[in-house]
Structure formats: structure tokens, C-alpha cells
Protein backbone atom coordinates (compact mmCIF):
# COMPACT_ATOMS: atom_id res chain seq x y z
CA MET A 1 0.00 0.00 0.00
CA LYS A 2 1.26 3.49 -0.84
CA ARG A 3 1.23 5.81 2.16
CA LEU A 4 2.71 9.26 2.63
CA THR A 5 3.22 11.16 5.88
CA ILE A 6 3.77 14.93 5.96
CA ILE A 7 4.20 17.55 8.67
CA GLY A 8 3.72 21.17 7.73
CA ASN A 9 1.67 24.34 8.10
CA LEU A 10 -1.77 24.92 6.63
CA GLY A 11 -1.57 27.42 3.79
CA ARG A 12 -5.29 28.20 3.91
CA ASP A 13 -8.34 27.39 6.00
CA PRO A 14 -10.01 24.06 5.15
CA GLU A 15 -12.75 24.49 2.54
CA SER A 16 -15.89 22.32 2.41
CA ARG A 17 -16.88 21.23 -1.09
CA ASN A 18 -19.18 18.81 -2.91
CA ASP A 19 -18.34 16.71 -5.93
CA LYS A 20 -20.70 16.32 -8.89
CA TYR A 21 -22.26 13.27 -7.17
CA GLY A 22 -23.20 15.25 -4.03
CA ASN A 23 -20.49 13.76 -1.79
CA SER A 24 -19.04 16.31 0.62
CA PHE A 25 -15.34 16.60 1.38
CA VAL A 26 -12.82 19.13 2.63
CA THR A 27 -9.67 20.41 0.94
CA PHE A 28 -6.73 22.42 2.25
CA SER A 29 -3.07 22.95 1.39
CA VAL A 30 -0.05 22.14 3.54
CA ALA A 31 3.37 23.80 3.19
CA VAL A 32 6.16 21.28 3.78
CA SER A 33 9.72 22.54 4.30
CA VAL A 34 12.30 20.54 2.35
CA GLY A 35 15.95 20.94 1.46
CA ASN A 36 18.68 22.09 3.81
CA LYS A 37 19.78 25.35 5.44
CA ASP A 38 21.72 26.41 2.35
CA LYS A 39 18.93 25.71 -0.12
CA PRO A 40 15.58 25.64 1.69
CA ARG A 41 12.36 25.38 -0.28
CA THR A 42 8.68 24.79 0.37
CA ASP A 43 6.62 22.08 -1.32
CA TRP A 44 2.84 22.49 -1.34
CA VAL A 45 0.62 19.44 -0.92
CA ASP A 46 -3.15 19.60 -1.48
CA VAL A 47 -5.03 17.48 1.07
CA SER A 48 -8.54 16.07 0.69
CA CYS A 49 -10.56 14.26 3.36
CA ASN A 50 -14.13 13.36 4.25
CA GLY A 51 -16.15 12.03 7.19
CA LYS A 52 -14.82 12.62 10.71
CA LEU A 53 -11.50 13.85 9.36
CA ALA A 54 -13.33 16.59 7.47
CA GLU A 55 -15.21 17.56 10.66
CA ILE A 56 -11.93 17.79 12.62
CA ALA A 57 -10.27 19.84 9.87
CA THR A 58 -13.08 22.36 9.51
CA THR A 59 -13.64 22.67 13.27
CA TYR A 60 -10.09 22.90 14.58
CA ALA A 61 -7.63 23.59 11.75
CA LYS A 62 -6.92 27.12 10.56
CA LYS A 63 -4.38 28.73 8.27
CA GLY A 64 -0.91 28.59 9.85
CA TYR A 65 -1.57 25.59 12.15
CA LYS A 66 1.03 22.83 12.14
CA VAL A 67 -0.47 19.48 11.14
CA PHE A 68 0.57 15.86 10.77
CA VAL A 69 -1.21 14.20 7.82
CA GLU A 70 -0.98 10.62 6.62
CA GLY A 71 -2.71 9.18 3.59
CA PHE A 72 -2.75 7.97 0.01
CA PRO A 73 -0.56 10.10 -2.32
CA ASP A 74 -1.44 11.10 -5.86
CA VAL A 75 0.25 13.32 -8.45
CA SER A 76 -1.56 14.90 -11.38
CA ALA A 77 -1.11 17.80 -13.78
CA TYR A 78 -3.25 20.39 -15.50
CA THR A 79 -2.71 23.20 -18.00
CA ASN A 80 -3.36 26.65 -16.53
CA ASN A 81 -4.71 29.73 -18.32
CA ALA A 82 -1.23 30.64 -19.54
CA ASN A 83 -0.91 27.20 -21.24
CA VAL A 84 1.68 26.06 -18.70
CA VAL A 85 1.50 22.51 -17.36
CA VAL A 86 1.34 22.57 -13.55
CA ALA A 87 1.99 19.49 -11.37
CA VAL A 88 -0.22 18.95 -8.31
CA GLN A 89 0.70 16.81 -5.30
CA ARG A 90 -2.42 15.57 -3.51
CA LEU A 91 -2.88 13.49 -0.37
CA TYR A 92 -6.14 11.67 0.42
CA ALA A 93 -5.96 11.75 4.22
CA HIS A 94 -6.44 8.70 6.43
CA SER A 95 -5.16 10.43 9.56
CA ILE A 96 -4.85 14.08 10.63
CA LYS A 97 -3.35 15.41 13.84
CA ILE A 98 -3.36 19.09 14.65
CA LEU A 99 -0.06 19.70 16.41
CA ASN A 100 -0.45 23.34 17.46
CA ARG A 101 -1.86 26.73 16.61
CA ASN A 102 0.18 29.48 15.04
CA GLU A 103 1.93 32.01 17.28
CA HIS A 104 -0.69 34.71 16.78
CA ASP A 105 -3.52 32.70 18.35
CA SER A 106 -4.06 32.07 22.04
CA THR A 107 -1.34 30.25 23.92
CA GLN A 108 -3.53 27.21 24.53
CA GLU A 109 -2.40 24.27 22.40
CA VAL A 110 -4.99 22.34 20.40
CA SER A 111 -4.53 18.65 19.84
CA ALA A 112 -7.16 16.68 17.96
CA GLU A 113 -6.77 13.43 16.13
CA VAL A 114 -8.96 11.00 14.27
CA HIS A 115 -7.43 7.96 12.65
CA GLU A 116 -9.45 6.33 9.91
CA ASP A 117 -7.19 3.53 8.75
CA CYS A 118 -9.10 2.40 5.71
CA ASP A 119 -8.38 0.94 2.32
CA ILE A 120 -8.84 3.54 -0.42
CA SER A 121 -11.45 1.27 -2.00
CA ASP A 122 -13.62 1.15 1.17
CA ASP A 123 -16.98 2.97 1.17
CA SER A 124 -15.68 5.15 4.03
CA ALA A 125 -12.70 6.29 1.96
CA ILE A 126 -12.54 8.89 -0.79
CA SER A 127 -14.49 7.57 -3.76
CA GLU A 128 -13.05 7.31 -7.26
CA GLN A 129 -15.57 9.92 -8.43
CA GLN A 130 -14.40 12.28 -5.70
CA ARG A 131 -10.74 11.76 -6.64
CA VAL A 132 -11.62 12.60 -10.26
CA ALA A 133 -13.69 15.64 -9.22
CA VAL A 134 -10.97 16.99 -6.92
CA GLY A 135 -8.24 16.36 -9.49
CA ALA A 136 -10.16 18.24 -12.16
CA GLU A 137 -9.93 21.58 -10.35
């Protein structure tokens, strides 16, 4: 089974959406620091989740929060308005843990975790139609 684990900061608040079949899900982006001190860079990973994970994300996660996300990785590409091919890294989350709030929020730490360890083909997982709908953004 392919599985990817990332730790990074939310680049935007989680956004609730519906695919063309009426299934609801949440998407957000995570900035992951890679490289070394001499050549640091940031990779952006789009995350999609549903069910209890989506509830946790929309209730507790906000832009700037540090998160631990584990799930099924996918890479796709699209052509933008300038006719440039853009690669997209996406993670279909099985597990999300909110590690802390950003420095500008209250000093109280938030820790919330739900672990849905499911096969990507399970009914509780992201459906193939949802993966297609999210990838077609």
C-alpha cells in the first residue's frame, strides 16, 4: 500500500466542497519545508478528506496551524490559463493530527486526532468519483 506522511503548516483554511455526485469533502493545502539550510524550499501538498476527518479539519484547523497528515498520495497535472503545465501533489488523508496553533492565536495548544485507517477502495474512503472531481480543479 502506498502511504505518505507529511508535517507542515496549513496554507489556507479548510474548505468544504461537494463533488458532482453530491459527496461532501474538505480540501486544504499544507506547506512542507524541504531541502537544507543552504537551499531551503517549500513544497505544497493539497489534502482532501471526508467524514470525521473533514469535521476535525473544519472545526479545529486554521491557516498557519502545524499538522501531521498521513494518507494515500497522488500526483496529477493540469494546464493553466497561460498554457503552462502545472503538477499537483495531492494526499487523500487517512489520519490528521493538529499539532499546534500558530503564534498569533491564544497560547492554549490544540490537539485533535482522528485515525481512519481504511483501504482507499472502502466505502468510508474517498471515492473514485471524488478523486476525479478533486483532481479536475
